[in-house]
Amino acid sequence: MELGKRIECPVVAIHGNYDPHPAEGVERPLSAVLNNFRFVLLEKCGHSPWIERQAKEKFYEILEEELE
């Protein structure tokens, strides 16, 4: 988390609600150390949204929006 304090660019975490890593265990600590942080929780999604049938389209949609 100490290294996170040195990150100056925007950070977006795209997280699945079925991910074995609890969402709040990712969102809470990162939002505390990153100045420009956004958290997106995907429904019906585990740890690999870019290949999961239920979340793949939404993941790439969010990713494209963030890269514009």
Protein backbone atom coordinates (compact mmCIF):
# COMPACT_ATOMS: atom_id res chain seq x y z
CA MET A 1 0.00 0.00 0.00
CA GLU A 2 2.95 2.32 0.55
CA LEU A 3 3.81 2.11 -3.16
CA GLY A 4 0.22 3.06 -4.00
CA LYS A 5 0.76 6.46 -2.44
CA ARG A 6 3.29 7.21 -5.19
CA ILE A 7 0.87 6.48 -8.06
CA GLU A 8 -0.17 9.71 -9.74
CA CYS A 9 -2.22 8.46 -12.70
CA PRO A 10 -5.91 7.50 -12.54
CA VAL A 11 -6.60 3.91 -11.47
CA VAL A 12 -9.74 1.92 -12.21
CA ALA A 13 -10.35 -1.45 -10.57
CA ILE A 14 -12.85 -3.64 -12.44
CA HIS A 15 -13.88 -6.36 -10.01
CA GLY A 16 -16.32 -9.26 -10.16
CA ASN A 17 -18.89 -9.79 -7.44
CA TYR A 18 -18.05 -13.54 -7.46
CA ASP A 19 -14.29 -12.94 -7.28
CA PRO A 20 -12.74 -14.99 -4.44
CA HIS A 21 -11.04 -11.78 -3.27
CA PRO A 22 -13.78 -9.79 -1.46
CA ALA A 23 -14.62 -6.53 -3.23
CA GLU A 24 -14.37 -4.37 -0.14
CA GLY A 25 -10.94 -5.82 0.57
CA VAL A 26 -9.84 -4.32 -2.73
CA GLU A 27 -11.88 -1.13 -2.88
CA ARG A 28 -11.39 0.12 0.67
CA PRO A 29 -7.57 -0.04 0.89
CA LEU A 30 -6.99 1.27 -2.64
CA SER A 31 -9.38 4.19 -2.23
CA ALA A 32 -7.48 5.14 0.92
CA VAL A 33 -4.11 5.48 -0.83
CA LEU A 34 -4.92 6.43 -4.44
CA ASN A 35 -5.91 10.01 -5.20
CA ASN A 36 -7.70 9.27 -8.46
CA PHE A 37 -9.37 5.89 -7.93
CA ARG A 38 -12.58 4.41 -9.29
CA PHE A 39 -14.03 0.99 -8.49
CA VAL A 40 -16.45 -0.87 -10.76
CA LEU A 41 -18.19 -4.02 -9.54
CA LEU A 42 -19.40 -6.38 -12.27
CA GLU A 43 -22.40 -8.63 -11.64
CA LYS A 44 -22.22 -12.38 -12.25
CA CYS A 45 -18.46 -12.22 -12.60
CA GLY A 46 -15.48 -13.88 -10.96
CA HIS A 47 -11.77 -13.13 -11.20
CA SER A 48 -11.37 -13.07 -15.01
CA PRO A 49 -14.05 -10.78 -16.48
CA TRP A 50 -12.35 -10.53 -19.90
CA ILE A 51 -13.12 -14.22 -20.56
CA GLU A 52 -16.33 -14.77 -18.56
CA ARG A 53 -19.52 -15.11 -20.57
CA GLN A 54 -21.69 -12.99 -18.24
CA ALA A 55 -19.25 -10.08 -17.86
CA LYS A 56 -17.02 -10.04 -20.94
CA GLU A 57 -19.00 -7.42 -22.91
CA LYS A 58 -19.39 -5.07 -19.95
CA PHE A 59 -15.70 -5.43 -19.04
CA TYR A 60 -14.55 -4.40 -22.51
CA GLU A 61 -17.11 -1.59 -22.62
CA ILE A 62 -15.72 -0.15 -19.36
CA LEU A 63 -12.14 -0.65 -20.53
CA GLU A 64 -12.77 1.17 -23.81
CA GLU A 65 -14.42 4.09 -22.00
CA GLU A 66 -11.47 4.40 -19.64
CA LEU A 67 -8.93 4.38 -22.47
CA GLU A 68 -10.62 7.18 -24.44
